[in-house]
Amino acid sequence: MKEKIKEILVVEGKNDTNTLQSYFECDTIETGGDQVSQETIERIKEAQARRGVIVFTDPDTPGEHIRRLIKEAVPGCKHAFIEKEKARTIRKVGVEHASKEDLWEALSHCVTFSEETGSLRWEDFVDLGLTGSSDSALRRDRICRQFHIGKCNAKTCFKRLNQMQITRKELEKE
């Protein structure tokens, strides 16, 4: 029996939909690429109001662009992130290439970003070695995996940690 996903998943294309629906009982909205139309944004807003939305885009630059557009236009959506290494073939990267187990893991750790910020200061971020050190990228990758916020650069990591209201104390425990 397939696991049922209550929220509507926002994905990039038909292959993502086909893969997800082969493993789970779910509905999707496809963006059709990184130029998300106003009509698609309106569908996502309606879906968010009625059932909730999980944004589940590819772990690449176009996927992050789509995620940012939706986050700004439709606040309060959940976000699922899959690691690039778990969603790739030799030539391509995308949700449709991930295993059922890895997709379920990503969907089980959705995050919602708050518009409130300020839980973490830039000075804390630097003090914790998440930027400015030779091993900062490795530290950030570990933190990003731990908090399921997707692999990202220092600026985006800092912003996402604040949006999730992660504190310095929580980061020090990791």
N, C-alpha and C. Protein backbone atom coordinates (compact mmCIF):
# COMPACT_ATOMS: atom_id res chain seq x y z
N MET A 1 0.84 -1.19 0.00
CA MET A 1 0.00 0.00 0.00
C MET A 1 0.88 1.25 0.00
N LYS A 2 0.53 2.20 -0.82
CA LYS A 2 1.32 3.43 -0.94
C LYS A 2 1.02 4.39 0.20
N GLU A 3 2.07 5.08 0.66
CA GLU A 3 1.88 6.14 1.65
C GLU A 3 1.12 7.28 1.00
N LYS A 4 0.19 7.88 1.75
CA LYS A 4 -0.60 8.99 1.23
C LYS A 4 -0.01 10.30 1.73
N ILE A 5 0.15 11.24 0.81
CA ILE A 5 0.66 12.56 1.17
C ILE A 5 -0.50 13.54 1.05
N LYS A 6 -0.85 14.15 2.18
CA LYS A 6 -2.02 15.04 2.25
C LYS A 6 -1.81 16.30 1.42
N GLU A 7 -0.64 16.91 1.56
CA GLU A 7 -0.37 18.17 0.88
C GLU A 7 -0.16 17.93 -0.62
N ILE A 8 -0.29 19.00 -1.38
CA ILE A 8 0.00 18.93 -2.80
C ILE A 8 1.48 19.25 -2.99
N LEU A 9 2.16 18.41 -3.76
CA LEU A 9 3.59 18.58 -4.00
C LEU A 9 3.80 19.48 -5.22
N VAL A 10 4.63 20.48 -5.09
CA VAL A 10 5.00 21.32 -6.22
C VAL A 10 6.33 20.81 -6.74
N VAL A 11 6.32 20.35 -7.98
CA VAL A 11 7.50 19.78 -8.61
C VAL A 11 7.77 20.50 -9.93
N GLU A 12 8.89 20.20 -10.54
CA GLU A 12 9.27 20.90 -11.76
C GLU A 12 8.60 20.34 -13.02
N GLY A 13 8.46 19.02 -13.11
CA GLY A 13 7.94 18.48 -14.36
C GLY A 13 7.25 17.14 -14.24
N LYS A 14 6.82 16.65 -15.39
CA LYS A 14 6.05 15.41 -15.50
C LYS A 14 6.83 14.20 -14.98
N ASN A 15 8.13 14.15 -15.24
CA ASN A 15 8.92 13.01 -14.76
C ASN A 15 8.93 12.94 -13.23
N ASP A 16 9.00 14.12 -12.59
CA ASP A 16 8.93 14.15 -11.12
C ASP A 16 7.58 13.61 -10.66
N THR A 17 6.51 14.07 -11.30
CA THR A 17 5.16 13.61 -10.95
C THR A 17 5.06 12.09 -11.11
N ASN A 18 5.51 11.58 -12.26
CA ASN A 18 5.41 10.14 -12.52
C ASN A 18 6.16 9.31 -11.48
N THR A 19 7.37 9.75 -11.14
CA THR A 19 8.16 9.03 -10.14
C THR A 19 7.46 9.05 -8.78
N LEU A 20 7.06 10.23 -8.34
CA LEU A 20 6.43 10.35 -7.02
C LEU A 20 5.12 9.55 -6.97
N GLN A 21 4.32 9.61 -8.03
CA GLN A 21 3.04 8.89 -8.02
C GLN A 21 3.23 7.38 -8.17
N SER A 22 4.39 6.95 -8.64
CA SER A 22 4.64 5.51 -8.68
C SER A 22 4.91 4.95 -7.28
N TYR A 23 5.39 5.82 -6.38
CA TYR A 23 5.72 5.39 -5.02
C TYR A 23 4.68 5.79 -3.97
N PHE A 24 4.02 6.93 -4.18
CA PHE A 24 3.14 7.49 -3.15
C PHE A 24 1.79 7.86 -3.76
N GLU A 25 0.78 7.90 -2.90
CA GLU A 25 -0.51 8.42 -3.31
C GLU A 25 -0.43 9.94 -3.08
N CYS A 26 -0.30 10.70 -4.18
CA CYS A 26 -0.09 12.14 -4.04
C CYS A 26 -0.59 12.89 -5.27
N ASP A 27 -0.81 14.17 -5.08
CA ASP A 27 -1.16 15.08 -6.16
C ASP A 27 -0.02 16.07 -6.32
N THR A 28 0.17 16.54 -7.55
CA THR A 28 1.26 17.48 -7.81
C THR A 28 0.78 18.67 -8.63
N ILE A 29 1.52 19.73 -8.52
CA ILE A 29 1.43 20.86 -9.44
C ILE A 29 2.81 20.97 -10.06
N GLU A 30 2.86 20.98 -11.38
CA GLU A 30 4.14 21.07 -12.09
C GLU A 30 4.38 22.51 -12.52
N THR A 31 5.59 23.01 -12.24
CA THR A 31 5.91 24.38 -12.62
C THR A 31 6.27 24.48 -14.09
N GLY A 32 6.70 23.39 -14.69
CA GLY A 32 7.07 23.41 -16.10
C GLY A 32 8.37 24.14 -16.35
N GLY A 33 9.24 24.14 -15.40
CA GLY A 33 10.53 24.82 -15.55
C GLY A 33 10.67 25.97 -14.58
N ASP A 34 11.75 26.74 -14.76
CA ASP A 34 12.05 27.77 -13.76
C ASP A 34 11.38 29.11 -14.03
N GLN A 35 10.62 29.23 -15.10
CA GLN A 35 9.84 30.45 -15.34
C GLN A 35 8.40 30.18 -14.90
N VAL A 36 8.14 30.30 -13.61
CA VAL A 36 6.85 29.95 -13.04
C VAL A 36 5.82 31.01 -13.42
N SER A 37 4.76 30.58 -14.09
CA SER A 37 3.74 31.52 -14.57
C SER A 37 2.88 32.02 -13.41
N GLN A 38 2.24 33.15 -13.63
CA GLN A 38 1.33 33.70 -12.62
C GLN A 38 0.17 32.75 -12.39
N GLU A 39 -0.27 32.07 -13.43
CA GLU A 39 -1.36 31.09 -13.31
C GLU A 39 -0.95 29.95 -12.37
N THR A 40 0.30 29.49 -12.50
CA THR A 40 0.80 28.42 -11.62
C THR A 40 0.90 28.93 -10.19
N ILE A 41 1.36 30.16 -9.99
CA ILE A 41 1.43 30.74 -8.65
C ILE A 41 0.03 30.79 -8.03
N GLU A 42 -0.96 31.16 -8.81
CA GLU A 42 -2.35 31.21 -8.30
C GLU A 42 -2.83 29.81 -7.91
N ARG A 43 -2.49 28.80 -8.71
CA ARG A 43 -2.86 27.42 -8.36
C ARG A 43 -2.19 27.00 -7.05
N ILE A 44 -0.93 27.38 -6.88
CA ILE A 44 -0.20 27.03 -5.66
C ILE A 44 -0.83 27.74 -4.46
N LYS A 45 -1.20 29.00 -4.61
CA LYS A 45 -1.87 29.74 -3.52
C LYS A 45 -3.16 29.04 -3.10
N GLU A 46 -3.96 28.64 -4.07
CA GLU A 46 -5.22 27.96 -3.78
C GLU A 46 -4.96 26.61 -3.10
N ALA A 47 -3.97 25.88 -3.60
CA ALA A 47 -3.62 24.59 -2.99
C ALA A 47 -3.15 24.78 -1.56
N GLN A 48 -2.34 25.80 -1.32
CA GLN A 48 -1.84 26.08 0.03
C GLN A 48 -3.01 26.37 0.97
N ALA A 49 -3.99 27.14 0.50
CA ALA A 49 -5.15 27.49 1.34
C ALA A 49 -6.02 26.28 1.64
N ARG A 50 -6.13 25.36 0.70
CA ARG A 50 -7.05 24.23 0.87
C ARG A 50 -6.42 22.98 1.49
N ARG A 51 -5.22 22.61 1.05
CA ARG A 51 -4.62 21.35 1.50
C ARG A 51 -3.22 21.47 2.04
N GLY A 52 -2.58 22.60 1.78
CA GLY A 52 -1.18 22.74 2.12
C GLY A 52 -0.33 22.33 0.94
N VAL A 53 0.89 22.85 0.91
CA VAL A 53 1.79 22.62 -0.21
C VAL A 53 3.16 22.22 0.32
N ILE A 54 3.79 21.29 -0.37
CA ILE A 54 5.20 20.97 -0.12
C ILE A 54 5.95 21.27 -1.41
N VAL A 55 6.88 22.20 -1.36
CA VAL A 55 7.72 22.52 -2.51
C VAL A 55 8.85 21.49 -2.53
N PHE A 56 8.93 20.75 -3.63
CA PHE A 56 9.91 19.66 -3.74
C PHE A 56 10.60 19.76 -5.11
N THR A 57 11.51 20.70 -5.21
CA THR A 57 12.20 20.95 -6.48
C THR A 57 13.57 20.26 -6.49
N ASP A 58 14.15 20.22 -7.67
CA ASP A 58 15.45 19.57 -7.85
C ASP A 58 16.55 20.30 -7.06
N PRO A 59 17.57 19.56 -6.61
CA PRO A 59 18.66 20.17 -5.85
C PRO A 59 19.71 20.80 -6.79
N ASP A 60 19.26 21.76 -7.57
CA ASP A 60 20.17 22.46 -8.49
C ASP A 60 19.76 23.93 -8.55
N THR A 61 20.46 24.71 -9.35
CA THR A 61 20.21 26.15 -9.41
C THR A 61 18.79 26.47 -9.88
N PRO A 62 18.28 25.88 -10.96
CA PRO A 62 16.90 26.18 -11.35
C PRO A 62 15.89 25.78 -10.26
N GLY A 63 16.14 24.66 -9.60
CA GLY A 63 15.24 24.23 -8.52
C GLY A 63 15.21 25.23 -7.37
N GLU A 64 16.37 25.76 -7.01
CA GLU A 64 16.45 26.77 -5.95
C GLU A 64 15.76 28.07 -6.38
N HIS A 65 15.88 28.42 -7.66
CA HIS A 65 15.21 29.61 -8.19
C HIS A 65 13.69 29.47 -8.05
N ILE A 66 13.17 28.32 -8.44
CA ILE A 66 11.73 28.06 -8.33
C ILE A 66 11.30 28.12 -6.87
N ARG A 67 12.07 27.50 -6.00
CA ARG A 67 11.76 27.48 -4.57
C ARG A 67 11.66 28.91 -4.02
N ARG A 68 12.63 29.75 -4.40
CA ARG A 68 12.65 31.14 -3.94
C ARG A 68 11.42 31.91 -4.43
N LEU A 69 11.08 31.74 -5.70
CA LEU A 69 9.90 32.41 -6.26
C LEU A 69 8.63 32.04 -5.49
N ILE A 70 8.47 30.74 -5.26
CA ILE A 70 7.27 30.27 -4.56
C ILE A 70 7.26 30.74 -3.11
N LYS A 71 8.42 30.69 -2.45
CA LYS A 71 8.50 31.12 -1.05
C LYS A 71 8.08 32.59 -0.90
N GLU A 72 8.48 33.41 -1.85
CA GLU A 72 8.12 34.82 -1.79
C GLU A 72 6.64 35.06 -2.13
N ALA A 73 6.11 34.32 -3.10
CA ALA A 73 4.73 34.52 -3.55
C ALA A 73 3.70 33.83 -2.68
N VAL A 74 4.09 32.71 -2.05
CA VAL A 74 3.14 31.90 -1.26
C VAL A 74 3.79 31.55 0.07
N PRO A 75 3.76 32.46 1.04
CA PRO A 75 4.38 32.18 2.34
C PRO A 75 3.71 31.01 3.06
N GLY A 76 4.50 30.33 3.88
CA GLY A 76 3.95 29.27 4.73
C GLY A 76 3.99 27.88 4.12
N CYS A 77 4.46 27.76 2.89
CA CYS A 77 4.57 26.42 2.28
C CYS A 77 5.64 25.62 3.01
N LYS A 78 5.46 24.31 3.03
CA LYS A 78 6.52 23.44 3.52
C LYS A 78 7.52 23.23 2.39
N HIS A 79 8.76 22.90 2.76
CA HIS A 79 9.81 22.65 1.78
C HIS A 79 10.48 21.33 2.10
N ALA A 80 10.62 20.49 1.09
CA ALA A 80 11.35 19.24 1.22
C ALA A 80 12.62 19.35 0.37
N PHE A 81 13.73 18.92 0.92
CA PHE A 81 15.01 18.99 0.23
C PHE A 81 15.58 17.59 0.11
N ILE A 82 16.09 17.28 -1.07
CA ILE A 82 16.79 16.02 -1.26
C ILE A 82 18.24 16.34 -1.63
N GLU A 83 19.15 15.59 -1.09
CA GLU A 83 20.56 15.83 -1.37
C GLU A 83 20.88 15.48 -2.82
N LYS A 84 21.74 16.28 -3.42
CA LYS A 84 22.11 16.10 -4.83
C LYS A 84 22.63 14.69 -5.08
N GLU A 85 23.42 14.16 -4.14
CA GLU A 85 24.00 12.83 -4.31
C GLU A 85 22.93 11.74 -4.36
N LYS A 86 21.77 11.99 -3.80
CA LYS A 86 20.69 11.00 -3.76
C LYS A 86 19.70 11.17 -4.91
N ALA A 87 19.93 12.17 -5.76
CA ALA A 87 18.98 12.46 -6.83
C ALA A 87 19.71 12.67 -8.16
N ARG A 88 20.70 11.83 -8.44
CA ARG A 88 21.46 12.06 -9.66
C ARG A 88 21.72 10.78 -10.43
N THR A 89 21.90 10.98 -11.72
CA THR A 89 22.43 9.94 -12.59
C THR A 89 23.81 10.44 -13.01
N ILE A 90 24.42 9.79 -13.97
CA ILE A 90 25.74 10.24 -14.42
C ILE A 90 25.67 11.66 -14.99
N ARG A 91 24.59 11.97 -15.71
CA ARG A 91 24.50 13.26 -16.39
C ARG A 91 23.47 14.22 -15.81
N LYS A 92 22.51 13.73 -15.08
CA LYS A 92 21.40 14.60 -14.65
C LYS A 92 21.20 14.53 -13.14
N VAL A 93 20.54 15.58 -12.64
CA VAL A 93 20.16 15.61 -11.24
C VAL A 93 18.70 16.02 -11.17
N GLY A 94 17.93 15.34 -10.33
CA GLY A 94 16.52 15.69 -10.20
C GLY A 94 15.77 14.75 -9.29
N VAL A 95 14.64 15.23 -8.81
CA VAL A 95 13.78 14.44 -7.93
C VAL A 95 13.45 13.09 -8.56
N GLU A 96 13.21 13.08 -9.87
CA GLU A 96 12.78 11.84 -10.53
C GLU A 96 13.83 10.74 -10.50
N HIS A 97 15.08 11.06 -10.18
CA HIS A 97 16.15 10.06 -10.17
C HIS A 97 16.39 9.45 -8.78
N ALA A 98 15.68 9.90 -7.77
CA ALA A 98 15.89 9.42 -6.40
C ALA A 98 15.11 8.14 -6.13
N SER A 99 15.58 7.40 -5.16
CA SER A 99 14.89 6.16 -4.75
C SER A 99 13.68 6.50 -3.88
N LYS A 100 12.79 5.53 -3.76
CA LYS A 100 11.61 5.72 -2.93
C LYS A 100 12.02 6.06 -1.49
N GLU A 101 13.02 5.37 -0.97
CA GLU A 101 13.44 5.59 0.41
C GLU A 101 13.99 7.01 0.60
N ASP A 102 14.79 7.47 -0.35
CA ASP A 102 15.36 8.81 -0.24
C ASP A 102 14.28 9.89 -0.40
N LEU A 103 13.33 9.65 -1.28
CA LEU A 103 12.22 10.60 -1.45
C LEU A 103 11.40 10.68 -0.16
N TRP A 104 11.10 9.52 0.42
CA TRP A 104 10.30 9.49 1.65
C TRP A 104 11.05 10.18 2.80
N GLU A 105 12.35 9.95 2.86
CA GLU A 105 13.18 10.60 3.88
C GLU A 105 13.08 12.13 3.74
N ALA A 106 13.19 12.62 2.52
CA ALA A 106 13.11 14.06 2.29
C ALA A 106 11.72 14.59 2.66
N LEU A 107 10.68 13.88 2.26
CA LEU A 107 9.31 14.33 2.54
C LEU A 107 8.98 14.23 4.03
N SER A 108 9.66 13.36 4.75
CA SER A 108 9.42 13.20 6.19
C SER A 108 10.07 14.30 7.02
N HIS A 109 10.94 15.09 6.39
CA HIS A 109 11.65 16.14 7.12
C HIS A 109 11.41 17.51 6.49
N CYS A 110 10.17 17.79 6.17
CA CYS A 110 9.83 19.09 5.59
C CYS A 110 10.10 20.20 6.60
N VAL A 111 10.45 21.36 6.06
CA VAL A 111 10.65 22.53 6.91
C VAL A 111 9.76 23.66 6.42
N THR A 112 9.40 24.53 7.34
CA THR A 112 8.65 25.73 6.99
C THR A 112 9.46 26.91 7.45
N PHE A 113 9.64 27.85 6.55
CA PHE A 113 10.45 29.03 6.87
C PHE A 113 9.56 30.14 7.40
N SER A 114 9.99 30.74 8.49
CA SER A 114 9.27 31.85 9.11
C SER A 114 9.77 33.15 8.50
N GLU A 115 8.90 34.14 8.45
CA GLU A 115 9.32 35.46 7.98
C GLU A 115 10.04 36.22 9.10
N GLU A 116 9.89 35.75 10.33
CA GLU A 116 10.62 36.36 11.45
C GLU A 116 12.07 35.93 11.36
N THR A 117 12.96 36.85 11.62
CA THR A 117 14.37 36.50 11.60
C THR A 117 15.03 37.02 12.87
N GLY A 118 16.29 36.74 13.02
CA GLY A 118 17.01 37.28 14.16
C GLY A 118 17.38 36.28 15.23
N SER A 119 17.12 34.99 15.01
CA SER A 119 17.48 34.00 16.02
C SER A 119 18.99 33.76 16.05
N LEU A 120 19.65 34.09 14.95
CA LEU A 120 21.08 33.85 14.82
C LEU A 120 21.72 35.10 14.25
N ARG A 121 22.78 35.56 14.89
CA ARG A 121 23.49 36.74 14.39
C ARG A 121 24.62 36.30 13.46
N TRP A 122 24.99 37.16 12.54
CA TRP A 122 26.08 36.86 11.62
C TRP A 122 27.36 36.55 12.39
N GLU A 123 27.58 37.27 13.48
CA GLU A 123 28.78 37.04 14.31
C GLU A 123 28.78 35.61 14.86
N ASP A 124 27.61 35.11 15.25
CA ASP A 124 27.51 33.73 15.73
C ASP A 124 27.87 32.75 14.61
N PHE A 125 27.35 33.04 13.43
CA PHE A 125 27.58 32.21 12.26
C PHE A 125 29.08 32.10 11.97
N VAL A 126 29.77 33.23 12.04
CA VAL A 126 31.22 33.28 11.81
C VAL A 126 31.95 32.55 12.94
N ASP A 127 31.58 32.84 14.20
CA ASP A 127 32.21 32.21 15.36
C ASP A 127 32.12 30.69 15.32
N LEU A 128 31.02 30.19 14.79
CA LEU A 128 30.81 28.74 14.70
C LEU A 128 31.55 28.11 13.52
N GLY A 129 32.28 28.93 12.77
CA GLY A 129 33.07 28.43 11.66
C GLY A 129 32.26 28.06 10.43
N LEU A 130 31.05 28.61 10.32
CA LEU A 130 30.20 28.28 9.18
C LEU A 130 30.50 29.14 7.96
N THR A 131 31.38 30.10 8.14
CA THR A 131 31.92 30.88 7.03
C THR A 131 33.28 31.42 7.44
N GLY A 132 34.14 31.63 6.47
CA GLY A 132 35.44 32.23 6.75
C GLY A 132 36.55 31.29 7.16
N SER A 133 36.26 30.01 7.28
CA SER A 133 37.28 29.02 7.66
C SER A 133 37.52 28.05 6.50
N SER A 134 38.64 27.37 6.55
CA SER A 134 38.96 26.44 5.47
C SER A 134 37.99 25.26 5.41
N ASP A 135 37.38 24.93 6.55
CA ASP A 135 36.43 23.81 6.57
C ASP A 135 34.97 24.27 6.70
N SER A 136 34.71 25.55 6.42
CA SER A 136 33.35 26.08 6.56
C SER A 136 32.33 25.35 5.70
N ALA A 137 32.69 25.04 4.47
CA ALA A 137 31.76 24.36 3.57
C ALA A 137 31.36 23.00 4.14
N LEU A 138 32.32 22.27 4.70
CA LEU A 138 32.01 20.97 5.31
C LEU A 138 31.10 21.13 6.52
N ARG A 139 31.39 22.13 7.34
CA ARG A 139 30.55 22.39 8.52
C ARG A 139 29.12 22.74 8.10
N ARG A 140 29.00 23.63 7.09
CA ARG A 140 27.67 24.02 6.61
C ARG A 140 26.92 22.81 6.06
N ASP A 141 27.61 21.97 5.29
CA ASP A 141 26.95 20.79 4.72
C ASP A 141 26.38 19.91 5.82
N ARG A 142 27.14 19.73 6.89
CA ARG A 142 26.67 18.90 8.02
C ARG A 142 25.43 19.53 8.67
N ILE A 143 25.49 20.84 8.88
CA ILE A 143 24.35 21.56 9.48
C ILE A 143 23.14 21.51 8.56
N CYS A 144 23.35 21.73 7.27
CA CYS A 144 22.25 21.70 6.30
C CYS A 144 21.57 20.33 6.28
N ARG A 145 22.36 19.26 6.34
CA ARG A 145 21.79 17.91 6.39
C ARG A 145 21.04 17.70 7.70
N GLN A 146 21.65 18.13 8.81
CA GLN A 146 21.04 17.94 10.12
C GLN A 146 19.67 18.60 10.22
N PHE A 147 19.56 19.81 9.68
CA PHE A 147 18.30 20.55 9.79
C PHE A 147 17.43 20.45 8.53
N HIS A 148 17.87 19.64 7.56
CA HIS A 148 17.08 19.35 6.34
C HIS A 148 16.71 20.62 5.58
N ILE A 149 17.71 21.49 5.36
CA ILE A 149 17.44 22.76 4.67
C ILE A 149 18.09 22.80 3.29
N GLY A 150 18.62 21.70 2.83
CA GLY A 150 19.23 21.67 1.51
C GLY A 150 20.63 22.27 1.52
N LYS A 151 21.48 21.75 0.67
CA LYS A 151 22.85 22.25 0.57
C LYS A 151 22.82 23.68 0.04
N CYS A 152 23.59 24.56 0.65
CA CYS A 152 23.56 25.96 0.21
C CYS A 152 24.84 26.68 0.60
N ASN A 153 25.03 27.84 0.01
CA ASN A 153 26.20 28.65 0.33
C ASN A 153 26.00 29.34 1.69
N ALA A 154 27.00 30.08 2.14
CA ALA A 154 26.96 30.67 3.48
C ALA A 154 25.78 31.63 3.66
N LYS A 155 25.59 32.52 2.72
CA LYS A 155 24.52 33.52 2.83
C LYS A 155 23.14 32.85 2.92
N THR A 156 22.90 31.88 2.04
CA THR A 156 21.61 31.18 2.04
C THR A 156 21.45 30.34 3.30
N CYS A 157 22.51 29.70 3.75
CA CYS A 157 22.46 28.90 4.98
C CYS A 157 22.09 29.78 6.16
N PHE A 158 22.76 30.92 6.28
CA PHE A 158 22.48 31.85 7.37
C PHE A 158 21.00 32.28 7.33
N LYS A 159 20.52 32.60 6.16
CA LYS A 159 19.13 33.05 5.99
C LYS A 159 18.15 31.93 6.36
N ARG A 160 18.40 30.71 5.88
CA ARG A 160 17.49 29.61 6.16
C ARG A 160 17.49 29.23 7.64
N LEU A 161 18.65 29.24 8.27
CA LEU A 161 18.70 28.94 9.71
C LEU A 161 17.89 29.98 10.49
N ASN A 162 18.00 31.23 10.11
CA ASN A 162 17.21 32.28 10.76
C ASN A 162 15.73 32.10 10.48
N GLN A 163 15.39 31.76 9.26
CA GLN A 163 13.98 31.58 8.92
C GLN A 163 13.36 30.42 9.69
N MET A 164 14.19 29.43 10.04
CA MET A 164 13.71 28.31 10.84
C MET A 164 13.85 28.60 12.34
N GLN A 165 14.37 29.77 12.65
CA GLN A 165 14.58 30.23 14.02
C GLN A 165 15.49 29.29 14.81
N ILE A 166 16.54 28.82 14.13
CA ILE A 166 17.57 27.98 14.76
C ILE A 166 18.49 28.92 15.55
N THR A 167 18.79 28.57 16.77
CA THR A 167 19.62 29.42 17.62
C THR A 167 21.07 28.94 17.64
N ARG A 168 21.95 29.79 18.15
CA ARG A 168 23.35 29.43 18.30
C ARG A 168 23.49 28.19 19.18
N LYS A 169 22.70 28.14 20.27
CA LYS A 169 22.78 26.99 21.18
C LYS A 169 22.45 25.70 20.47
N GLU A 170 21.44 25.73 19.60
CA GLU A 170 21.09 24.52 18.85
C GLU A 170 22.22 24.12 17.92
N LEU A 171 22.85 25.08 17.29
CA LEU A 171 23.96 24.78 16.39
C LEU A 171 25.17 24.26 17.16
N GLU A 172 25.40 24.76 18.35
CA GLU A 172 26.54 24.31 19.15
C GLU A 172 26.39 22.87 19.58
N LYS A 173 25.14 22.38 19.69
CA LYS A 173 24.90 20.99 20.04
C LYS A 173 25.29 20.05 18.92
N GLU A 174 25.27 20.56 17.69
CA GLU A 174 25.55 19.72 16.52
C GLU A 174 26.99 19.53 16.37
